[in-house]
Amino acid sequence: MATTAAASTLSWLHSFGGTQNETTKVTDRNRVFVVFNQKKVKKTRKVILKEDVENLGQKGQLLDVKAGYFRNYLLPMGKAQIITPVLLKEMKMEEERIEAEKQRVKEEAQQLALIFETVGAFKVKRKGGKGKLIFGSVTAQDLVDIIKAQIQRDVDKRIVSLPEIRETGEYIAELKLHPEVTARVRLNVYAN
């Protein structure tokens, strides 16, 4: 009878995908006990990084890390925090705020580009030489000074891209107001 019970237990075990190697049978007279091997569970924690951690991630990144690593290193050093629903909500609100700020800056740059393009041509006077040549050249700083004088807008000279201007004529300068917005400005260079 014990062998039929063990056999029925084994068939029951096989129905769950187990094998005989994963079980230990203990027989005590008419009773059969089946003990399953327990697999080690990987314990991880969902965390958000408060600062950049080398070989792990960047500030604000959501990660799954081992519980011991979090408990023994990240938490005591103040480098990470366990994710909570409140924290997720705050992160989402912060991301929306940052996105709205980026959109506002982009719209401002587009308006400024429209102003620059509707102004027409900026006039640059230079001392003339032979033919169309001028003494010196027109630089980004010259254009920045002209923009400030004519439309009272401060522009950083590092965003100005000019072709090399060494003679009179009409030129196009580009102002990189935003990573996605570039204004094209016309320059009329003439000799006095």
C-alpha atoms as a PDB file:
ATOM      1  CA  MET A   1       0.000   0.000   0.000  1.00  0.00           C
ATOM      2  CA  ALA A   2       2.889   2.328   0.723  1.00  0.00           C
ATOM      3  CA  THR A   3       4.277   1.780  -2.745  1.00  0.00           C
ATOM      4  CA  THR A   4       0.937   2.649  -4.381  1.00  0.00           C
ATOM      5  CA  ALA A   5       0.740   5.840  -2.281  1.00  0.00           C
ATOM      6  CA  ALA A   6       4.305   6.761  -3.246  1.00  0.00           C
ATOM      7  CA  ALA A   7       3.536   6.041  -6.884  1.00  0.00           C
ATOM      8  CA  SER A   8       0.370   8.170  -6.785  1.00  0.00           C
ATOM      9  CA  THR A   9       2.358  10.946  -5.075  1.00  0.00           C
ATOM     10  CA  LEU A  10       4.989  10.784  -7.792  1.00  0.00           C
ATOM     11  CA  SER A  11       2.345  10.961 -10.509  1.00  0.00           C
ATOM     12  CA  TRP A  12       0.835  13.942  -8.675  1.00  0.00           C
ATOM     13  CA  LEU A  13       4.306  15.508  -8.518  1.00  0.00           C
ATOM     14  CA  HIS A  14       4.857  14.968 -12.247  1.00  0.00           C
ATOM     15  CA  SER A  15       1.578  16.741 -13.003  1.00  0.00           C
ATOM     16  CA  PHE A  16       3.112  19.942 -11.544  1.00  0.00           C
ATOM     17  CA  GLY A  17       6.256  19.557 -13.616  1.00  0.00           C
ATOM     18  CA  GLY A  18       8.404  18.225 -10.784  1.00  0.00           C
ATOM     19  CA  THR A  19      10.820  15.349 -11.060  1.00  0.00           C
ATOM     20  CA  GLN A  20      11.960  12.717  -8.721  1.00  0.00           C
ATOM     21  CA  ASN A  21      15.283  14.553  -8.252  1.00  0.00           C
ATOM     22  CA  GLU A  22      13.520  17.578  -6.797  1.00  0.00           C
ATOM     23  CA  THR A  23      11.731  15.645  -4.083  1.00  0.00           C
ATOM     24  CA  THR A  24      12.648  13.675  -1.071  1.00  0.00           C
ATOM     25  CA  LYS A  25      10.328  10.885   0.022  1.00  0.00           C
ATOM     26  CA  VAL A  26      10.028  10.098   3.667  1.00  0.00           C
ATOM     27  CA  THR A  27       7.987   7.008   4.523  1.00  0.00           C
ATOM     28  CA  ASP A  28       6.616   6.455   7.975  1.00  0.00           C
ATOM     29  CA  ARG A  29       4.609   3.256   7.919  1.00  0.00           C
ATOM     30  CA  ASN A  30       1.504   4.045   5.859  1.00  0.00           C
ATOM     31  CA  ARG A  31       2.193   7.752   5.324  1.00  0.00           C
ATOM     32  CA  VAL A  32       4.230   9.293   2.569  1.00  0.00           C
ATOM     33  CA  PHE A  33       5.530  12.846   2.947  1.00  0.00           C
ATOM     34  CA  VAL A  34       6.820  14.676  -0.072  1.00  0.00           C
ATOM     35  CA  VAL A  35       9.242  17.566   0.519  1.00  0.00           C
ATOM     36  CA  PHE A  36       9.918  19.946  -2.375  1.00  0.00           C
ATOM     37  CA  ASN A  37      13.276  21.691  -2.749  1.00  0.00           C
ATOM     38  CA  GLN A  38      12.851  25.406  -2.399  1.00  0.00           C
ATOM     39  CA  LYS A  39      14.636  27.563  -4.896  1.00  0.00           C
ATOM     40  CA  LYS A  40      16.444  30.624  -3.667  1.00  0.00           C
ATOM     41  CA  VAL A  41      14.410  33.750  -4.370  1.00  0.00           C
ATOM     42  CA  LYS A  42      16.293  36.755  -5.673  1.00  0.00           C
ATOM     43  CA  LYS A  43      15.372  39.615  -3.426  1.00  0.00           C
ATOM     44  CA  THR A  44      15.400  42.941  -5.194  1.00  0.00           C
ATOM     45  CA  ARG A  45      14.182  46.403  -4.352  1.00  0.00           C
ATOM     46  CA  LYS A  46      12.827  49.028  -6.719  1.00  0.00           C
ATOM     47  CA  VAL A  47      14.752  52.215  -6.007  1.00  0.00           C
ATOM     48  CA  ILE A  48      15.330  55.666  -7.425  1.00  0.00           C
ATOM     49  CA  LEU A  49      18.854  57.057  -7.460  1.00  0.00           C
ATOM     50  CA  LYS A  50      19.365  60.382  -5.668  1.00  0.00           C
ATOM     51  CA  GLU A  51      22.751  60.900  -7.316  1.00  0.00           C
ATOM     52  CA  ASP A  52      24.909  59.335 -10.023  1.00  0.00           C
ATOM     53  CA  VAL A  53      26.329  55.953  -8.984  1.00  0.00           C
ATOM     54  CA  GLU A  54      29.238  54.586 -10.992  1.00  0.00           C
ATOM     55  CA  ASN A  55      28.466  51.330 -12.828  1.00  0.00           C
ATOM     56  CA  LEU A  56      24.801  51.553 -11.774  1.00  0.00           C
ATOM     57  CA  GLY A  57      22.970  54.569 -13.171  1.00  0.00           C
ATOM     58  CA  GLN A  58      22.256  58.281 -13.297  1.00  0.00           C
ATOM     59  CA  LYS A  59      20.405  60.520 -10.860  1.00  0.00           C
ATOM     60  CA  GLY A  60      16.618  60.081 -11.077  1.00  0.00           C
ATOM     61  CA  GLN A  61      16.822  56.662 -12.729  1.00  0.00           C
ATOM     62  CA  LEU A  62      14.470  53.886 -11.573  1.00  0.00           C
ATOM     63  CA  LEU A  63      16.266  50.579 -10.968  1.00  0.00           C
ATOM     64  CA  ASP A  64      15.886  47.123  -9.486  1.00  0.00           C
ATOM     65  CA  VAL A  65      18.832  46.435  -7.165  1.00  0.00           C
ATOM     66  CA  LYS A  66      19.585  43.591  -4.815  1.00  0.00           C
ATOM     67  CA  ALA A  67      18.190  44.105  -1.340  1.00  0.00           C
ATOM     68  CA  GLY A  68      21.570  43.705   0.340  1.00  0.00           C
ATOM     69  CA  TYR A  69      23.253  46.242  -1.962  1.00  0.00           C
ATOM     70  CA  PHE A  70      20.498  48.720  -1.216  1.00  0.00           C
ATOM     71  CA  ARG A  71      20.487  48.053   2.528  1.00  0.00           C
ATOM     72  CA  ASN A  72      24.260  47.998   3.003  1.00  0.00           C
ATOM     73  CA  TYR A  73      25.509  50.606   0.529  1.00  0.00           C
ATOM     74  CA  LEU A  74      22.950  52.761  -1.264  1.00  0.00           C
ATOM     75  CA  LEU A  75      20.730  53.592   1.724  1.00  0.00           C
ATOM     76  CA  PRO A  76      23.470  54.418   4.300  1.00  0.00           C
ATOM     77  CA  MET A  77      25.323  56.562   1.743  1.00  0.00           C
ATOM     78  CA  GLY A  78      22.094  58.368   0.829  1.00  0.00           C
ATOM     79  CA  LYS A  79      22.468  57.475  -2.831  1.00  0.00           C
ATOM     80  CA  ALA A  80      19.063  55.839  -3.343  1.00  0.00           C
ATOM     81  CA  GLN A  81      15.542  55.721  -1.992  1.00  0.00           C
ATOM     82  CA  ILE A  82      12.865  53.022  -2.189  1.00  0.00           C
ATOM     83  CA  ILE A  83      10.108  53.900  -4.642  1.00  0.00           C
ATOM     84  CA  THR A  84       6.747  54.714  -3.122  1.00  0.00           C
ATOM     85  CA  PRO A  85       3.519  55.770  -4.865  1.00  0.00           C
ATOM     86  CA  VAL A  86       3.931  59.286  -3.426  1.00  0.00           C
ATOM     87  CA  LEU A  87       7.495  59.475  -4.734  1.00  0.00           C
ATOM     88  CA  LEU A  88       6.387  58.288  -8.181  1.00  0.00           C
ATOM     89  CA  LYS A  89       3.697  60.972  -8.242  1.00  0.00           C
ATOM     90  CA  GLU A  90       6.230  63.652  -7.262  1.00  0.00           C
ATOM     91  CA  MET A  91       8.631  62.443  -9.966  1.00  0.00           C
ATOM     92  CA  LYS A  92       5.885  62.586 -12.578  1.00  0.00           C
ATOM     93  CA  MET A  93       4.947  66.126 -11.534  1.00  0.00           C
ATOM     94  CA  GLU A  94       8.609  67.198 -11.663  1.00  0.00           C
ATOM     95  CA  GLU A  95       9.032  65.703 -15.139  1.00  0.00           C
ATOM     96  CA  GLU A  96       5.900  67.535 -16.329  1.00  0.00           C
ATOM     97  CA  ARG A  97       7.214  70.804 -14.859  1.00  0.00           C
ATOM     98  CA  ILE A  98      10.590  70.349 -16.571  1.00  0.00           C
ATOM     99  CA  GLU A  99       8.888  69.484 -19.867  1.00  0.00           C
ATOM    100  CA  ALA A 100       6.663  72.579 -19.622  1.00  0.00           C
ATOM    101  CA  GLU A 101       9.740  74.739 -18.938  1.00  0.00           C
ATOM    102  CA  LYS A 102      11.532  73.281 -21.971  1.00  0.00           C
ATOM    103  CA  GLN A 103       8.477  73.989 -24.127  1.00  0.00           C
ATOM    104  CA  ARG A 104       8.289  77.579 -22.822  1.00  0.00           C
ATOM    105  CA  VAL A 105      11.979  78.183 -23.614  1.00  0.00           C
ATOM    106  CA  LYS A 106      11.509  76.746 -27.111  1.00  0.00           C
ATOM    107  CA  GLU A 107       8.477  78.967 -27.787  1.00  0.00           C
ATOM    108  CA  GLU A 108      10.427  82.002 -26.550  1.00  0.00           C
ATOM    109  CA  ALA A 109      13.261  81.140 -28.925  1.00  0.00           C
ATOM    110  CA  GLN A 110      10.797  80.751 -31.819  1.00  0.00           C
ATOM    111  CA  GLN A 111       9.330  84.197 -31.094  1.00  0.00           C
ATOM    112  CA  LEU A 112      12.808  85.720 -30.973  1.00  0.00           C
ATOM    113  CA  ALA A 113      13.687  84.014 -34.270  1.00  0.00           C
ATOM    114  CA  LEU A 114      10.550  85.479 -35.831  1.00  0.00           C
ATOM    115  CA  ILE A 115      11.567  88.951 -34.608  1.00  0.00           C
ATOM    116  CA  PHE A 116      15.055  88.582 -36.096  1.00  0.00           C
ATOM    117  CA  GLU A 117      13.737  87.380 -39.431  1.00  0.00           C
ATOM    118  CA  THR A 118      11.117  90.141 -39.751  1.00  0.00           C
ATOM    119  CA  VAL A 119      13.533  92.965 -38.911  1.00  0.00           C
ATOM    120  CA  GLY A 120      14.983  92.864 -42.384  1.00  0.00           C
ATOM    121  CA  ALA A 121      18.692  93.373 -42.860  1.00  0.00           C
ATOM    122  CA  PHE A 122      21.081  94.716 -40.251  1.00  0.00           C
ATOM    123  CA  LYS A 123      23.408  97.345 -41.689  1.00  0.00           C
ATOM    124  CA  VAL A 124      27.121  97.158 -40.959  1.00  0.00           C
ATOM    125  CA  LYS A 125      29.453 100.055 -41.816  1.00  0.00           C
ATOM    126  CA  ARG A 126      33.143  99.433 -42.351  1.00  0.00           C
ATOM    127  CA  LYS A 127      36.030 101.489 -43.647  1.00  0.00           C
ATOM    128  CA  GLY A 128      36.484 100.617 -47.316  1.00  0.00           C
ATOM    129  CA  GLY A 129      39.600  99.549 -49.137  1.00  0.00           C
ATOM    130  CA  LYS A 130      40.237  98.749 -52.792  1.00  0.00           C
ATOM    131  CA  GLY A 131      37.152  97.714 -54.737  1.00  0.00           C
ATOM    132  CA  LYS A 132      34.715  95.792 -52.548  1.00  0.00           C
ATOM    133  CA  LEU A 133      37.265  95.014 -49.836  1.00  0.00           C
ATOM    134  CA  ILE A 134      36.883  96.380 -46.322  1.00  0.00           C
ATOM    135  CA  PHE A 135      39.498  96.889 -43.635  1.00  0.00           C
ATOM    136  CA  GLY A 136      39.271  94.079 -41.085  1.00  0.00           C
ATOM    137  CA  SER A 137      36.314  91.739 -40.998  1.00  0.00           C
ATOM    138  CA  VAL A 138      32.841  91.609 -39.499  1.00  0.00           C
ATOM    139  CA  THR A 139      32.787  89.428 -36.369  1.00  0.00           C
ATOM    140  CA  ALA A 140      30.113  87.834 -34.212  1.00  0.00           C
ATOM    141  CA  GLN A 141      30.672  90.537 -31.591  1.00  0.00           C
ATOM    142  CA  ASP A 142      29.927  93.228 -34.201  1.00  0.00           C
ATOM    143  CA  LEU A 143      26.613  91.562 -35.006  1.00  0.00           C
ATOM    144  CA  VAL A 144      25.746  91.234 -31.293  1.00  0.00           C
ATOM    145  CA  ASP A 145      26.430  94.965 -30.781  1.00  0.00           C
ATOM    146  CA  ILE A 146      24.251  95.896 -33.793  1.00  0.00           C
ATOM    147  CA  ILE A 147      21.365  93.690 -32.571  1.00  0.00           C
ATOM    148  CA  LYS A 148      21.560  95.275 -29.117  1.00  0.00           C
ATOM    149  CA  ALA A 149      21.573  98.784 -30.601  1.00  0.00           C
ATOM    150  CA  GLN A 150      18.715  98.229 -33.064  1.00  0.00           C
ATOM    151  CA  ILE A 151      16.240  95.949 -31.282  1.00  0.00           C
ATOM    152  CA  GLN A 152      17.444  96.054 -27.644  1.00  0.00           C
ATOM    153  CA  ARG A 153      17.973  92.301 -27.354  1.00  0.00           C
ATOM    154  CA  ASP A 154      20.976  90.749 -25.651  1.00  0.00           C
ATOM    155  CA  VAL A 155      22.422  87.869 -27.639  1.00  0.00           C
ATOM    156  CA  ASP A 156      25.431  85.755 -26.695  1.00  0.00           C
ATOM    157  CA  LYS A 157      28.118  85.897 -29.368  1.00  0.00           C
ATOM    158  CA  ARG A 158      28.745  82.140 -28.991  1.00  0.00           C
ATOM    159  CA  ILE A 159      25.411  81.364 -30.666  1.00  0.00           C
ATOM    160  CA  VAL A 160      26.238  83.471 -33.743  1.00  0.00           C
ATOM    161  CA  SER A 161      27.554  81.691 -36.830  1.00  0.00           C
ATOM    162  CA  LEU A 162      28.935  84.024 -39.495  1.00  0.00           C
ATOM    163  CA  PRO A 163      30.619  83.364 -42.801  1.00  0.00           C
ATOM    164  CA  GLU A 164      33.955  85.086 -43.261  1.00  0.00           C
ATOM    165  CA  ILE A 165      33.105  88.684 -44.198  1.00  0.00           C
ATOM    166  CA  ARG A 166      35.970  90.684 -45.728  1.00  0.00           C
ATOM    167  CA  GLU A 167      34.159  92.647 -48.448  1.00  0.00           C
ATOM    168  CA  THR A 168      30.932  94.570 -48.955  1.00  0.00           C
ATOM    169  CA  GLY A 169      27.718  92.810 -49.854  1.00  0.00           C
ATOM    170  CA  GLU A 170      24.807  90.917 -48.328  1.00  0.00           C
ATOM    171  CA  TYR A 171      25.418  87.942 -46.039  1.00  0.00           C
ATOM    172  CA  ILE A 172      23.334  85.522 -43.990  1.00  0.00           C
ATOM    173  CA  ALA A 173      24.212  84.866 -40.347  1.00  0.00           C
ATOM    174  CA  GLU A 174      22.675  82.112 -38.232  1.00  0.00           C
ATOM    175  CA  LEU A 175      21.805  82.437 -34.565  1.00  0.00           C
ATOM    176  CA  LYS A 176      21.341  79.130 -32.708  1.00  0.00           C
ATOM    177  CA  LEU A 177      18.723  80.296 -30.187  1.00  0.00           C
ATOM    178  CA  HIS A 178      17.707  76.794 -29.089  1.00  0.00           C
ATOM    179  CA  PRO A 179      18.817  73.277 -30.052  1.00  0.00           C
ATOM    180  CA  GLU A 180      15.751  73.100 -32.315  1.00  0.00           C
ATOM    181  CA  VAL A 181      15.444  76.788 -33.308  1.00  0.00           C
ATOM    182  CA  THR A 182      17.827  78.654 -35.593  1.00  0.00           C
ATOM    183  CA  ALA A 183      17.232  82.221 -36.773  1.00  0.00           C
ATOM    184  CA  ARG A 184      18.632  83.469 -40.065  1.00  0.00           C
ATOM    185  CA  VAL A 185      19.633  87.138 -40.087  1.00  0.00           C
ATOM    186  CA  ARG A 186      20.606  89.181 -43.138  1.00  0.00           C
ATOM    187  CA  LEU A 187      23.586  91.533 -42.954  1.00  0.00           C
ATOM    188  CA  ASN A 188      24.265  94.358 -45.406  1.00  0.00           C
ATOM    189  CA  VAL A 189      27.914  95.286 -45.243  1.00  0.00           C
ATOM    190  CA  TYR A 190      28.890  98.525 -46.926  1.00  0.00           C
ATOM    191  CA  ALA A 191      31.899 100.850 -46.940  1.00  0.00           C
ATOM    192  CA  ASN A 192      31.752 104.470 -45.850  1.00  0.00           C
END
